[in-house]
Amino acid sequence: MPTITVEQEILSNLVAACGQQHQIDTLENELPLIGCDIDSCDENTLEVEIFPDRPDMLSAETLAHTIIPFLHKAEPNPELDVIPGTIKMVVEDEISEIRPIILAAVVRSVNIDESAIKRLMDHQEKLHFSLGRRRRRASIGVHDLAKISPPFTVKAVNRSHSFTPLASSKEMTIDEILAEHAKGQEYAHLLEGMELVPVIVDSEDKVLSFPPIINGDHTTVTNQTTDVLIDVTGWDQRSCEVSLLLICLQLQHMGGQVESVEVQTTGASTWSIDGSPIQHNIQREEVESLLGRKFTDGQILEAVRRMGGLCSVDGETITITLPRWRYDILHPVDLIEEIAIGHGYDDLGEDFARTSLSGTPREDGQLRRRINSVMQGMGLMQIQSLTLSSEEDQFQKMRWQANGDITRIANPITTEHTILRQNILPGLLRLLSANRHHDLPQAIYELGAVVIDHANHTRLAFAVAQRDGGFATLRGKIQVLMRDLGCKEWSLRSISEGPWLGGRGAEILIGQTVIGQCGEIDPHVGESFELKVPITAAEISVSALESVLLDPVH
């Protein structure tokens, strides 16, 4: 969860501006209810942890805007005050295939000092990380309006186009920025495969921004800046809109006045910022059924007011008006949660479970218990590794082919966790690698789930790292496992594919059914996991084992 550092003086001043008193002990008790928590506190600063579903509290200013009605009975203000502006931004047709969402606004008469600039930049980067998904969905540019000349144009240029990027003293081409500039190297993958890239230029053809990478150096905001242009570009309309509204809300709390920019998009349509709140309707019966108690009209109105919204009740219909930047309001249940938090969880009455909560044993529970007993009896330590893995670990390094469809992660946050695993053994090798500085032997096993064709299957895998082990020792462990599971007839059949050393790998069969593989790990496979010791291992399908093995206990 993201953490923001808030100067107590700044937060106190923002709260005091509404005629309220700021109490740290009150914050510590109440803030967790609305989506944040105080990590640490001293006489100068607060470390506030913001829950992932509340990106509208990622700056001191927007945090104060949220907590003032909740803590101090202040009137909520779910609307961003926007006045019409005369500045235009024209988006050329080619941009629709490169970065289709282009939004902009101006904030005038902002009171900016060095501390405010730091808070603004910190807020911008946290929005890039959360709403922007590391600038993929949305990226934000902030510019000193006095240093640029409207109207503005968003156009596509080739990679030889040059300008002076932020924190540089010389002109660089697009290719040079992506290869040499720190921000270019970090986000170059977002423009991978594109011959043309987007830039925003002013009437003098000077580059303001090269989204989603970096701004032009000459538009840098300083403590002399009073008027600010904000551009937001990306692929997700809602993420871009909320990012723009939150930056504008922060600057409004710095004394600024938000002014619209007319963005002329493709197809002759136009867009300008809308600061009006959004109305949501919900039925009283839904609220009272889910929360388990009756509410008066006054209680509902007060609960919504504390959460920063406005409310009216007309018979059975409750109309709730919340800020347009509340990204987390997705479903009627979210509105009911707002009422519950605003009213207080301690006064929601009592209820009892209406369904039986008695546990029932798993169908494979006895088999799993016996497997665990055998493995631990042989001196192996049980571990639990991540179900998330990567194609490199699962298939390329292990020399296995994918078994059916692979279940992929839609928005992976790391290249190491892009799919749900089909094999457990790579995770065991990863663990041995992480513990290679410890003494040998190391013997571990895991009984867990893999995902094949988008369905769960149970597997057993074990790995033993020891200098004097070999295939005979491995075969002995499998023999003990089969004996204790009541299997008298089993066999091994040589196999050439997989991570096994040539002539030292085999399939495990019960009758004609293949239940798994075992063998000595090829040193080349071990080295790909940074392991240089002899390893014997096996992976067995518990589902296949269960289908051919009579369980004498079950």
Protein backbone atom coordinates (compact mmCIF):
# COMPACT_ATOMS: atom_id res chain seq x y z
CA MET A 1 0.00 0.00 0.00
CA PRO A 2 1.34 3.49 -0.82
CA THR A 3 2.53 5.71 2.01
CA ILE A 4 2.55 9.51 2.01
CA THR A 5 4.54 11.80 4.26
CA VAL A 6 2.46 14.73 5.49
CA GLU A 7 3.87 17.73 7.30
CA GLN A 8 1.71 18.23 10.39
CA GLU A 9 1.83 22.00 9.89
CA ILE A 10 0.42 21.67 6.35
CA LEU A 11 -2.38 19.32 7.43
CA SER A 12 -3.21 21.47 10.47
CA ASN A 13 -3.41 24.61 8.31
CA LEU A 14 -5.70 22.90 5.81
CA VAL A 15 -8.02 21.72 8.57
CA ALA A 16 -7.87 25.09 10.35
CA ALA A 17 -8.93 26.81 7.13
CA CYS A 18 -12.35 25.20 7.71
CA GLY A 19 -12.47 26.49 11.28
CA GLN A 20 -11.74 23.09 12.81
CA GLN A 21 -9.20 21.81 15.32
CA HIS A 22 -6.68 19.17 14.31
CA GLN A 23 -6.17 16.34 16.82
CA ILE A 24 -3.61 13.61 16.10
CA ASP A 25 -5.18 11.12 18.52
CA THR A 26 -8.51 11.57 16.72
CA LEU A 27 -6.81 10.82 13.41
CA GLU A 28 -5.22 7.65 14.76
CA ASN A 29 -8.59 6.31 15.91
CA GLU A 30 -10.77 7.34 12.97
CA LEU A 31 -8.65 7.32 9.79
CA PRO A 32 -8.59 3.50 9.32
CA LEU A 33 -12.35 3.61 8.79
CA ILE A 34 -12.10 5.71 5.62
CA GLY A 35 -9.15 4.03 3.98
CA CYS A 36 -5.87 5.11 5.59
CA ASP A 37 -3.81 4.56 8.70
CA ILE A 38 -1.05 6.44 10.53
CA ASP A 39 2.19 4.43 10.37
CA SER A 40 4.30 6.80 12.46
CA CYS A 41 4.07 10.27 13.92
CA ASP A 42 6.48 12.81 15.35
CA GLU A 43 6.22 16.52 16.11
CA ASN A 44 6.81 17.47 12.46
CA THR A 45 5.44 14.79 10.15
CA LEU A 46 2.92 12.00 9.77
CA GLU A 47 3.53 8.81 7.81
CA VAL A 48 0.10 7.88 6.47
CA GLU A 49 -0.55 4.54 4.76
CA ILE A 50 -3.27 4.87 2.11
CA PHE A 51 -5.38 1.82 1.30
CA PRO A 52 -5.22 0.81 -2.40
CA ASP A 53 -8.90 1.62 -3.05
CA ARG A 54 -8.55 5.29 -2.04
CA PRO A 55 -6.26 7.03 -4.57
CA ASP A 56 -8.17 10.25 -3.81
CA MET A 57 -6.12 10.63 -0.58
CA LEU A 58 -2.58 10.44 -1.98
CA SER A 59 -1.64 14.05 -1.13
CA ALA A 60 -1.92 16.19 1.99
CA GLU A 61 -4.46 18.44 0.26
CA THR A 62 -6.78 15.70 -1.03
CA LEU A 63 -6.43 13.81 2.27
CA ALA A 64 -7.55 16.91 4.18
CA HIS A 65 -10.45 17.40 1.74
CA THR A 66 -11.66 13.89 2.66
CA ILE A 67 -11.13 13.88 6.42
CA ILE A 68 -12.56 17.33 7.27
CA PRO A 69 -16.25 16.30 6.84
CA PHE A 70 -15.58 12.90 8.41
CA LEU A 71 -13.96 14.21 11.59
CA HIS A 72 -15.33 17.71 12.07
CA LYS A 73 -18.94 17.96 10.86
CA ALA A 74 -17.83 20.37 8.14
CA GLU A 75 -20.03 20.69 5.06
CA PRO A 76 -18.78 18.37 2.31
CA ASN A 77 -17.77 19.75 -1.05
CA PRO A 78 -18.07 17.01 -3.69
CA GLU A 79 -17.71 19.46 -6.58
CA LEU A 80 -14.59 20.88 -8.19
CA ASP A 81 -15.20 24.53 -9.07
CA VAL A 82 -14.33 25.00 -12.76
CA ILE A 83 -14.65 28.20 -14.79
CA PRO A 84 -14.72 28.26 -18.63
CA GLY A 85 -11.38 28.95 -20.29
CA THR A 86 -10.30 30.10 -23.75
CA ILE A 87 -7.29 27.82 -24.28
CA LYS A 88 -7.60 25.04 -26.87
CA MET A 89 -5.69 21.82 -27.47
CA VAL A 90 -6.01 20.10 -30.87
CA VAL A 91 -5.42 16.35 -31.17
CA GLU A 92 -4.32 15.10 -34.59
CA ASP A 93 -5.87 11.92 -36.02
CA GLU A 94 -2.73 9.76 -35.81
CA ILE A 95 -2.76 9.97 -32.02
CA SER A 96 -5.84 7.71 -31.77
CA GLU A 97 -3.64 4.67 -32.48
CA ILE A 98 -0.73 5.76 -30.29
CA ARG A 99 -2.20 7.23 -27.06
CA PRO A 100 -5.91 7.83 -27.58
CA ILE A 101 -6.97 9.61 -24.36
CA ILE A 102 -5.86 13.27 -24.17
CA LEU A 103 -7.18 15.54 -21.38
CA ALA A 104 -6.07 18.94 -20.10
CA ALA A 105 -6.92 21.77 -17.70
CA VAL A 106 -5.41 25.01 -16.39
CA VAL A 107 -5.17 26.14 -12.77
CA ARG A 108 -4.46 29.87 -12.26
CA SER A 109 -3.21 31.94 -9.31
CA VAL A 110 -1.63 29.02 -7.46
CA ASN A 111 0.49 29.75 -4.38
CA ILE A 112 3.57 27.58 -4.96
CA ASP A 113 6.75 27.30 -2.89
CA GLU A 114 9.42 24.60 -2.77
CA SER A 115 7.41 22.49 -0.32
CA ALA A 116 4.30 22.71 -2.54
CA ILE A 117 6.30 21.67 -5.62
CA LYS A 118 7.60 18.62 -3.76
CA ARG A 119 4.07 17.65 -2.68
CA LEU A 120 2.77 18.13 -6.22
CA MET A 121 5.49 15.97 -7.78
CA ASP A 122 5.05 13.30 -5.10
CA HIS A 123 1.29 13.25 -5.72
CA GLN A 124 1.89 12.97 -9.47
CA GLU A 125 4.17 9.95 -9.11
CA LYS A 126 1.82 8.16 -6.71
CA LEU A 127 -1.04 8.62 -9.18
CA HIS A 128 1.24 7.27 -11.93
CA PHE A 129 1.79 4.16 -9.82
CA SER A 130 -1.81 3.60 -8.68
CA LEU A 131 -4.37 4.91 -11.17
CA GLY A 132 -1.85 5.07 -14.00
CA ARG A 133 -0.54 1.51 -13.57
CA ARG A 134 3.04 2.76 -13.95
CA ARG A 135 1.98 5.27 -16.64
CA ARG A 136 0.42 2.61 -18.88
CA ARG A 137 -3.19 3.67 -18.27
CA ALA A 138 -2.51 7.32 -17.47
CA SER A 139 0.44 9.71 -17.29
CA ILE A 140 0.44 13.30 -16.03
CA GLY A 141 2.38 16.35 -17.20
CA VAL A 142 2.51 19.60 -15.19
CA HIS A 143 3.80 22.79 -16.89
CA ASP A 144 4.40 26.47 -16.14
CA LEU A 145 1.81 28.15 -18.40
CA ALA A 146 3.77 31.41 -18.54
CA LYS A 147 6.62 29.68 -20.40
CA ILE A 148 4.48 28.29 -23.23
CA SER A 149 2.16 29.73 -25.87
CA PRO A 150 -1.34 28.34 -26.51
CA PRO A 151 -3.06 26.91 -28.48
CA PHE A 152 -1.50 23.47 -28.11
CA THR A 153 -1.32 20.55 -30.51
CA VAL A 154 -0.93 16.83 -29.82
CA LYS A 155 0.72 15.17 -32.78
CA ALA A 156 2.69 12.10 -33.81
CA VAL A 157 6.38 12.48 -34.70
CA ASN A 158 9.07 10.05 -35.74
CA ARG A 159 11.88 8.99 -33.43
CA SER A 160 14.39 11.41 -34.92
CA HIS A 161 12.41 14.38 -33.58
CA SER A 162 14.44 16.26 -30.96
CA PHE A 163 13.89 18.58 -27.97
CA THR A 164 15.49 19.31 -24.60
CA PRO A 165 13.95 16.98 -21.98
CA LEU A 166 13.52 17.73 -18.29
CA ALA A 167 16.76 17.62 -16.27
CA SER A 168 18.91 17.88 -19.42
CA SER A 169 20.89 20.78 -20.87
CA LYS A 170 21.02 19.55 -24.48
CA GLU A 171 18.63 18.56 -27.21
CA MET A 172 18.09 14.83 -27.62
CA THR A 173 16.22 12.81 -30.22
CA ILE A 174 13.34 10.58 -29.14
CA ASP A 175 15.54 7.51 -29.62
CA GLU A 176 18.32 9.08 -27.53
CA ILE A 177 15.86 9.92 -24.72
CA LEU A 178 14.52 6.36 -24.65
CA ALA A 179 18.02 4.89 -24.65
CA GLU A 180 19.98 7.32 -22.46
CA HIS A 181 17.67 9.41 -20.24
CA ALA A 182 16.75 7.81 -16.89
CA LYS A 183 13.00 8.26 -17.40
CA GLY A 184 13.29 7.13 -21.01
CA GLN A 185 14.99 3.90 -19.99
CA GLU A 186 12.38 3.27 -17.27
CA TYR A 187 9.32 3.72 -19.49
CA ALA A 188 10.58 2.97 -23.03
CA HIS A 189 8.65 -0.32 -23.03
CA LEU A 190 5.37 1.65 -23.15
CA LEU A 191 6.22 2.79 -26.69
CA GLU A 192 7.80 -0.43 -27.86
CA GLY A 193 7.04 -1.25 -31.50
CA MET A 194 5.72 2.24 -32.33
CA GLU A 195 7.35 4.04 -35.26
CA LEU A 196 5.56 7.29 -34.37
CA VAL A 197 5.34 8.66 -30.83
CA PRO A 198 3.14 11.40 -29.29
CA VAL A 199 4.31 14.90 -28.39
CA ILE A 200 2.45 18.00 -27.20
CA VAL A 201 3.67 21.28 -28.74
CA ASP A 202 2.66 24.91 -28.32
CA SER A 203 1.96 27.51 -31.01
CA GLU A 204 5.72 28.04 -31.48
CA ASP A 205 6.21 24.29 -32.06
CA LYS A 206 8.12 23.89 -28.77
CA VAL A 207 7.67 20.48 -27.13
CA LEU A 208 5.83 20.69 -23.80
CA SER A 209 5.60 16.98 -23.24
CA PHE A 210 6.57 13.63 -24.67
CA PRO A 211 3.96 11.41 -22.98
CA PRO A 212 4.17 9.07 -21.19
CA ILE A 213 7.93 9.60 -20.79
CA ILE A 214 8.98 13.14 -19.88
CA ASN A 215 8.25 16.88 -20.14
CA GLY A 216 10.26 19.49 -21.95
CA ASP A 217 12.83 21.22 -19.76
CA HIS A 218 11.58 24.76 -20.42
CA THR A 219 8.11 24.13 -18.87
CA THR A 220 9.44 23.24 -15.40
CA VAL A 221 7.28 24.45 -12.51
CA THR A 222 9.22 26.68 -10.06
CA ASN A 223 8.38 28.73 -6.97
CA GLN A 224 7.76 31.65 -9.37
CA THR A 225 4.97 29.76 -11.16
CA THR A 226 1.41 31.02 -10.70
CA ASP A 227 -0.50 29.46 -13.63
CA VAL A 228 -0.23 25.73 -14.35
CA LEU A 229 -1.21 23.61 -17.35
CA ILE A 230 -1.93 19.94 -16.63
CA ASP A 231 -2.06 17.34 -19.40
CA VAL A 232 -3.11 13.74 -18.83
CA THR A 233 -2.74 11.11 -21.55
CA GLY A 234 -3.30 7.38 -21.62
CA TRP A 235 -5.46 4.45 -22.58
CA ASP A 236 -8.15 4.42 -19.89
CA GLN A 237 -10.67 7.30 -19.86
CA ARG A 238 -11.69 6.95 -16.23
CA SER A 239 -8.11 6.69 -14.91
CA CYS A 240 -7.09 9.77 -16.90
CA GLU A 241 -10.12 11.79 -15.83
CA VAL A 242 -9.72 11.02 -12.12
CA SER A 243 -5.96 11.74 -12.26
CA LEU A 244 -6.65 15.18 -13.77
CA LEU A 245 -9.39 15.97 -11.23
CA LEU A 246 -7.17 15.03 -8.28
CA ILE A 247 -4.22 17.16 -9.44
CA CYS A 248 -6.63 20.06 -9.99
CA LEU A 249 -8.17 19.51 -6.53
CA GLN A 250 -4.73 19.64 -4.94
CA LEU A 251 -3.84 22.87 -6.76
CA GLN A 252 -7.23 24.34 -5.83
CA HIS A 253 -6.31 23.82 -2.17
CA MET A 254 -3.11 25.75 -2.93
CA GLY A 255 -5.28 28.76 -3.77
CA GLY A 256 -5.74 28.06 -7.48
CA GLN A 257 -8.76 28.47 -9.73
CA VAL A 258 -9.44 25.60 -12.12
CA GLU A 259 -10.10 26.64 -15.72
CA SER A 260 -11.25 24.36 -18.53
CA VAL A 261 -9.25 23.64 -21.70
CA GLU A 262 -11.18 22.70 -24.83
CA VAL A 263 -9.59 19.53 -26.20
CA GLN A 264 -10.57 19.00 -29.83
CA THR A 265 -10.30 15.25 -30.28
CA THR A 266 -10.55 13.09 -33.36
CA GLY A 267 -13.89 12.99 -35.15
CA ALA A 268 -14.57 16.70 -34.52
CA SER A 269 -15.68 16.02 -30.91
CA THR A 270 -14.53 18.13 -27.97
CA TRP A 271 -13.81 17.46 -24.31
CA SER A 272 -13.36 19.73 -21.29
CA ILE A 273 -13.01 19.01 -17.60
CA ASP A 274 -16.20 18.35 -15.65
CA GLY A 275 -15.96 19.00 -11.92
CA SER A 276 -19.60 18.22 -11.12
CA PRO A 277 -20.30 15.30 -8.76
CA ILE A 278 -21.97 12.03 -9.81
CA GLN A 279 -25.40 10.99 -8.55
CA HIS A 280 -26.06 7.39 -7.53
CA ASN A 281 -29.43 5.86 -6.63
CA ILE A 282 -29.96 2.98 -4.25
CA GLN A 283 -33.02 1.49 -2.58
CA ARG A 284 -33.46 1.70 1.19
CA GLU A 285 -34.33 -2.01 1.26
CA GLU A 286 -30.89 -2.89 -0.17
CA VAL A 287 -29.14 -0.83 2.51
CA GLU A 288 -31.14 -2.17 5.45
CA SER A 289 -31.05 -5.77 4.20
CA LEU A 290 -27.26 -5.83 3.88
CA LEU A 291 -26.48 -3.83 7.04
CA GLY A 292 -29.10 -5.61 9.16
CA ARG A 293 -30.87 -2.62 10.72
CA LYS A 294 -33.30 0.22 10.03
CA PHE A 295 -32.08 3.79 9.44
CA THR A 296 -33.88 7.09 9.76
CA ASP A 297 -33.59 9.59 6.92
CA GLY A 298 -31.44 11.79 9.16
CA GLN A 299 -29.01 8.96 9.93
CA ILE A 300 -28.52 8.22 6.23
CA LEU A 301 -28.00 11.90 5.39
CA GLU A 302 -25.46 12.32 8.20
CA ALA A 303 -23.57 9.13 7.24
CA VAL A 304 -23.20 10.24 3.62
CA ARG A 305 -22.21 13.77 4.69
CA ARG A 306 -19.37 12.38 6.80
CA MET A 307 -18.10 10.52 3.72
CA GLY A 308 -17.86 13.77 1.73
CA GLY A 309 -21.11 13.41 -0.22
CA LEU A 310 -24.59 14.88 -0.37
CA CYS A 311 -27.77 12.88 0.02
CA SER A 312 -31.53 13.08 -0.38
CA VAL A 313 -34.18 10.51 0.52
CA ASP A 314 -37.43 10.24 -1.41
CA GLY A 315 -39.48 7.44 0.08
CA GLU A 316 -37.60 4.23 -0.65
CA THR A 317 -35.06 5.79 -3.03
CA ILE A 318 -31.80 7.19 -1.64
CA THR A 319 -29.90 9.55 -3.94
CA ILE A 320 -26.23 9.88 -3.04
CA THR A 321 -24.04 12.55 -4.66
CA LEU A 322 -20.31 11.82 -4.47
CA PRO A 323 -17.23 13.48 -6.01
CA ARG A 324 -16.44 12.53 -9.59
CA TRP A 325 -12.91 11.61 -8.46
CA ARG A 326 -14.12 8.76 -6.22
CA TYR A 327 -12.58 6.03 -8.39
CA ASP A 328 -13.56 3.32 -5.90
CA ILE A 329 -17.35 3.67 -6.30
CA LEU A 330 -18.15 0.87 -8.74
CA HIS A 331 -21.24 -0.91 -7.42
CA PRO A 332 -24.28 -0.33 -5.17
CA VAL A 333 -22.49 -2.30 -2.44
CA ASP A 334 -19.84 0.46 -2.40
CA LEU A 335 -22.58 2.99 -1.63
CA ILE A 336 -23.88 0.80 1.20
CA GLU A 337 -20.33 0.60 2.57
CA GLU A 338 -20.16 4.43 2.54
CA ILE A 339 -23.30 4.56 4.68
CA ALA A 340 -21.94 1.89 7.05
CA ILE A 341 -18.61 3.69 7.53
CA GLY A 342 -20.24 7.11 7.90
CA HIS A 343 -22.74 5.81 10.43
CA GLY A 344 -20.20 3.70 12.32
CA TYR A 345 -19.73 -0.07 12.44
CA ASP A 346 -20.30 -0.17 16.20
CA ASP A 347 -23.98 0.71 15.80
CA LEU A 348 -25.06 -1.70 13.09
CA GLY A 349 -26.87 -4.04 15.49
CA GLU A 350 -26.41 -7.75 15.97
CA ASP A 351 -27.06 -10.67 13.65
CA PHE A 352 -26.44 -14.39 13.47
CA ALA A 353 -25.30 -16.75 10.77
CA ARG A 354 -28.15 -18.06 8.64
CA THR A 355 -26.16 -20.87 7.04
CA SER A 356 -24.38 -23.84 8.54
CA LEU A 357 -20.73 -23.08 9.23
CA SER A 358 -19.77 -26.66 10.07
CA GLY A 359 -16.71 -27.81 8.18
CA THR A 360 -16.74 -30.90 5.99
CA PRO A 361 -13.63 -32.92 5.17
CA ARG A 362 -12.08 -32.71 1.74
CA GLU A 363 -12.56 -35.74 -0.45
CA ASP A 364 -8.79 -36.06 -0.78
CA GLY A 365 -8.13 -35.13 2.85
CA GLN A 366 -7.02 -38.60 3.97
CA LEU A 367 -4.68 -39.00 1.00
CA ARG A 368 -3.12 -35.59 1.62
CA ARG A 369 -2.66 -36.38 5.31
CA ARG A 370 -0.91 -39.65 4.49
CA ILE A 371 1.35 -37.98 1.89
CA ASN A 372 2.38 -35.32 4.41
CA SER A 373 3.06 -37.98 7.03
CA VAL A 374 5.28 -39.98 4.66
CA MET A 375 7.27 -36.99 3.38
CA GLN A 376 7.89 -35.61 6.85
CA GLY A 377 8.78 -39.08 8.08
CA MET A 378 11.56 -39.18 5.47
CA GLY A 379 12.95 -35.92 6.88
CA LEU A 380 11.69 -33.49 4.20
CA MET A 381 10.53 -30.05 5.25
CA GLN A 382 7.17 -28.88 3.92
CA ILE A 383 7.15 -25.47 2.22
CA GLN A 384 4.59 -23.34 0.41
CA SER A 385 5.75 -21.36 -2.60
CA LEU A 386 3.91 -18.82 -4.73
CA THR A 387 1.28 -20.01 -7.19
CA LEU A 388 2.40 -17.14 -9.42
CA SER A 389 5.32 -17.91 -11.72
CA SER A 390 6.68 -17.11 -15.19
CA GLU A 391 6.94 -18.91 -18.50
CA GLU A 392 10.72 -18.71 -18.23
CA ASP A 393 10.79 -20.63 -14.94
CA GLN A 394 7.97 -23.03 -15.80
CA PHE A 395 8.96 -24.03 -19.30
CA GLN A 396 12.16 -22.54 -20.74
CA LYS A 397 14.48 -23.30 -17.83
CA MET A 398 12.81 -26.63 -16.99
CA ARG A 399 12.65 -27.77 -20.64
CA TRP A 400 8.98 -28.71 -20.22
CA GLN A 401 6.20 -27.92 -22.69
CA ALA A 402 3.04 -26.16 -21.56
CA ASN A 403 0.31 -28.61 -20.55
CA GLY A 404 -2.92 -27.24 -22.06
CA ASP A 405 -3.88 -23.58 -21.82
CA ILE A 406 -1.78 -21.26 -19.65
CA THR A 407 -3.62 -18.96 -17.23
CA ARG A 408 -1.98 -15.54 -17.62
CA ILE A 409 -2.08 -12.51 -15.33
CA ALA A 410 -3.77 -9.57 -17.11
CA ASN A 411 -1.74 -6.84 -15.37
CA PRO A 412 1.44 -8.40 -13.91
CA ILE A 413 3.50 -6.10 -11.70
CA THR A 414 6.72 -8.03 -12.23
CA THR A 415 8.18 -10.18 -15.01
CA GLU A 416 8.66 -13.00 -12.49
CA HIS A 417 4.91 -13.35 -11.85
CA THR A 418 3.09 -13.42 -15.18
CA ILE A 419 1.21 -16.77 -15.10
CA LEU A 420 -0.28 -19.28 -12.69
CA ARG A 421 2.10 -22.21 -12.32
CA GLN A 422 1.63 -25.55 -14.07
CA ASN A 423 4.49 -27.19 -12.13
CA ILE A 424 5.62 -26.92 -8.51
CA LEU A 425 9.24 -27.97 -8.97
CA PRO A 426 10.51 -24.60 -10.32
CA GLY A 427 9.36 -22.97 -7.08
CA LEU A 428 11.32 -25.52 -5.06
CA LEU A 429 14.45 -24.81 -7.09
CA ARG A 430 13.91 -21.09 -6.51
CA LEU A 431 13.74 -21.73 -2.77
CA LEU A 432 16.89 -23.86 -2.78
CA SER A 433 18.62 -21.08 -4.71
CA ALA A 434 17.58 -18.49 -2.12
CA ASN A 435 19.00 -20.75 0.63
CA ARG A 436 22.17 -21.88 -1.13
CA HIS A 437 24.32 -20.19 1.52
CA HIS A 438 23.00 -22.68 4.14
CA ASP A 439 24.58 -26.06 4.85
CA LEU A 440 23.66 -29.20 2.91
CA PRO A 441 21.74 -31.42 2.75
CA GLN A 442 18.51 -29.52 2.13
CA ALA A 443 15.35 -31.56 1.55
CA ILE A 444 12.01 -29.86 0.88
CA TYR A 445 8.60 -30.76 -0.52
CA GLU A 446 5.33 -29.06 -1.38
CA LEU A 447 1.80 -30.41 -1.69
CA GLY A 448 -0.14 -27.73 -3.50
CA ALA A 449 -2.21 -26.55 -6.45
CA VAL A 450 -1.23 -26.00 -10.05
CA VAL A 451 -3.48 -24.54 -12.75
CA ILE A 452 -3.87 -26.37 -16.07
CA ASP A 453 -6.49 -25.41 -18.65
CA HIS A 454 -7.71 -22.80 -16.13
CA ALA A 455 -8.59 -25.47 -13.55
CA ASN A 456 -6.90 -26.41 -10.26
CA HIS A 457 -5.03 -29.71 -9.90
CA THR A 458 -3.10 -31.02 -6.89
CA ARG A 459 0.59 -31.90 -7.23
CA LEU A 460 3.32 -33.23 -4.93
CA ALA A 461 6.89 -32.18 -5.63
CA PHE A 462 10.08 -32.68 -3.66
CA ALA A 463 13.73 -31.79 -4.15
CA VAL A 464 16.83 -32.86 -2.25
CA ALA A 465 20.15 -31.03 -2.53
CA GLN A 466 23.03 -33.16 -1.23
CA ARG A 467 26.52 -33.99 -2.43
CA ASP A 468 26.32 -37.78 -2.01
CA GLY A 469 22.78 -38.35 -3.30
CA GLY A 470 21.92 -39.99 -6.60
CA PHE A 471 19.21 -41.75 -8.52
CA ALA A 472 19.29 -44.77 -6.21
CA THR A 473 18.56 -42.57 -3.19
CA LEU A 474 15.75 -40.86 -5.09
CA ARG A 475 14.25 -44.23 -6.08
CA GLY A 476 14.32 -45.25 -2.43
CA LYS A 477 12.22 -42.21 -1.43
CA ILE A 478 9.65 -42.96 -4.13
CA GLN A 479 9.56 -46.60 -3.00
CA VAL A 480 8.84 -45.53 0.59
CA LEU A 481 6.08 -43.17 -0.62
CA MET A 482 4.43 -45.87 -2.73
CA ARG A 483 4.70 -48.50 0.02
CA ASP A 484 3.15 -46.27 2.67
CA LEU A 485 0.34 -45.28 0.30
CA GLY A 486 -0.47 -48.95 -0.22
CA CYS A 487 0.82 -49.25 -3.79
CA LYS A 488 2.66 -52.53 -4.37
CA GLU A 489 2.98 -52.46 -8.16
CA TRP A 490 4.71 -49.44 -9.66
CA SER A 491 7.51 -48.90 -12.16
CA LEU A 492 9.86 -46.36 -13.74
CA ARG A 493 10.25 -45.69 -17.46
CA SER A 494 13.15 -43.72 -18.95
CA ILE A 495 12.31 -40.24 -20.24
CA SER A 496 14.40 -37.82 -22.29
CA GLU A 497 12.46 -34.54 -21.97
CA GLY A 498 12.39 -32.24 -18.98
CA PRO A 499 15.02 -30.94 -16.55
CA TRP A 500 16.63 -34.35 -16.02
CA LEU A 501 20.23 -35.37 -16.66
CA GLY A 502 20.53 -37.66 -19.70
CA GLY A 503 19.76 -41.26 -18.70
CA ARG A 504 18.85 -40.15 -15.16
CA GLY A 505 15.22 -39.17 -15.64
CA ALA A 506 12.11 -41.34 -15.55
CA GLU A 507 8.33 -41.37 -15.60
CA ILE A 508 6.59 -42.93 -12.59
CA LEU A 509 3.84 -45.39 -13.52
CA ILE A 510 1.18 -47.29 -11.62
CA GLY A 511 0.01 -49.89 -14.07
CA GLN A 512 -0.19 -48.05 -17.38
CA THR A 513 -1.00 -44.66 -15.78
CA VAL A 514 1.77 -42.04 -15.67
CA ILE A 515 1.51 -40.24 -12.33
CA GLY A 516 4.68 -38.12 -12.49
CA GLN A 517 8.37 -37.72 -13.25
CA CYS A 518 11.58 -38.00 -11.26
CA GLY A 519 15.32 -37.86 -11.74
CA GLU A 520 18.60 -36.06 -11.22
CA ILE A 521 18.46 -32.38 -12.21
CA ASP A 522 20.74 -31.57 -15.16
CA PRO A 523 23.56 -29.24 -13.94
CA HIS A 524 22.69 -26.82 -16.78
CA VAL A 525 19.15 -26.52 -15.40
CA GLY A 526 20.54 -26.10 -11.90
CA GLU A 527 22.87 -23.32 -13.04
CA SER A 528 19.93 -21.45 -14.60
CA PHE A 529 18.59 -21.25 -11.02
CA GLU A 530 22.08 -20.39 -9.67
CA LEU A 531 22.45 -23.86 -8.12
CA LYS A 532 25.76 -25.77 -8.35
CA VAL A 533 25.05 -28.79 -6.15
CA PRO A 534 23.61 -32.20 -7.14
CA ILE A 535 19.81 -32.22 -6.87
CA THR A 536 17.36 -35.08 -7.12
CA ALA A 537 13.69 -34.29 -7.49
CA ALA A 538 10.26 -35.57 -8.45
CA GLU A 539 6.84 -34.16 -9.30
CA ILE A 540 3.72 -36.32 -8.94
CA SER A 541 0.10 -35.63 -9.88
CA VAL A 542 -1.99 -36.32 -6.78
CA SER A 543 -5.11 -36.25 -8.94
CA ALA A 544 -3.67 -39.06 -11.11
CA LEU A 545 -2.46 -40.91 -8.01
CA GLU A 546 -5.94 -40.74 -6.48
CA SER A 547 -7.54 -42.14 -9.65
CA VAL A 548 -5.50 -45.37 -9.60
CA LEU A 549 -4.74 -45.83 -5.91
CA LEU A 550 -7.26 -47.41 -3.55
CA ASP A 551 -7.43 -45.41 -0.33
CA PRO A 552 -7.88 -47.97 2.47
CA VAL A 553 -8.94 -45.27 4.96
CA HIS A 554 -11.42 -43.24 2.91
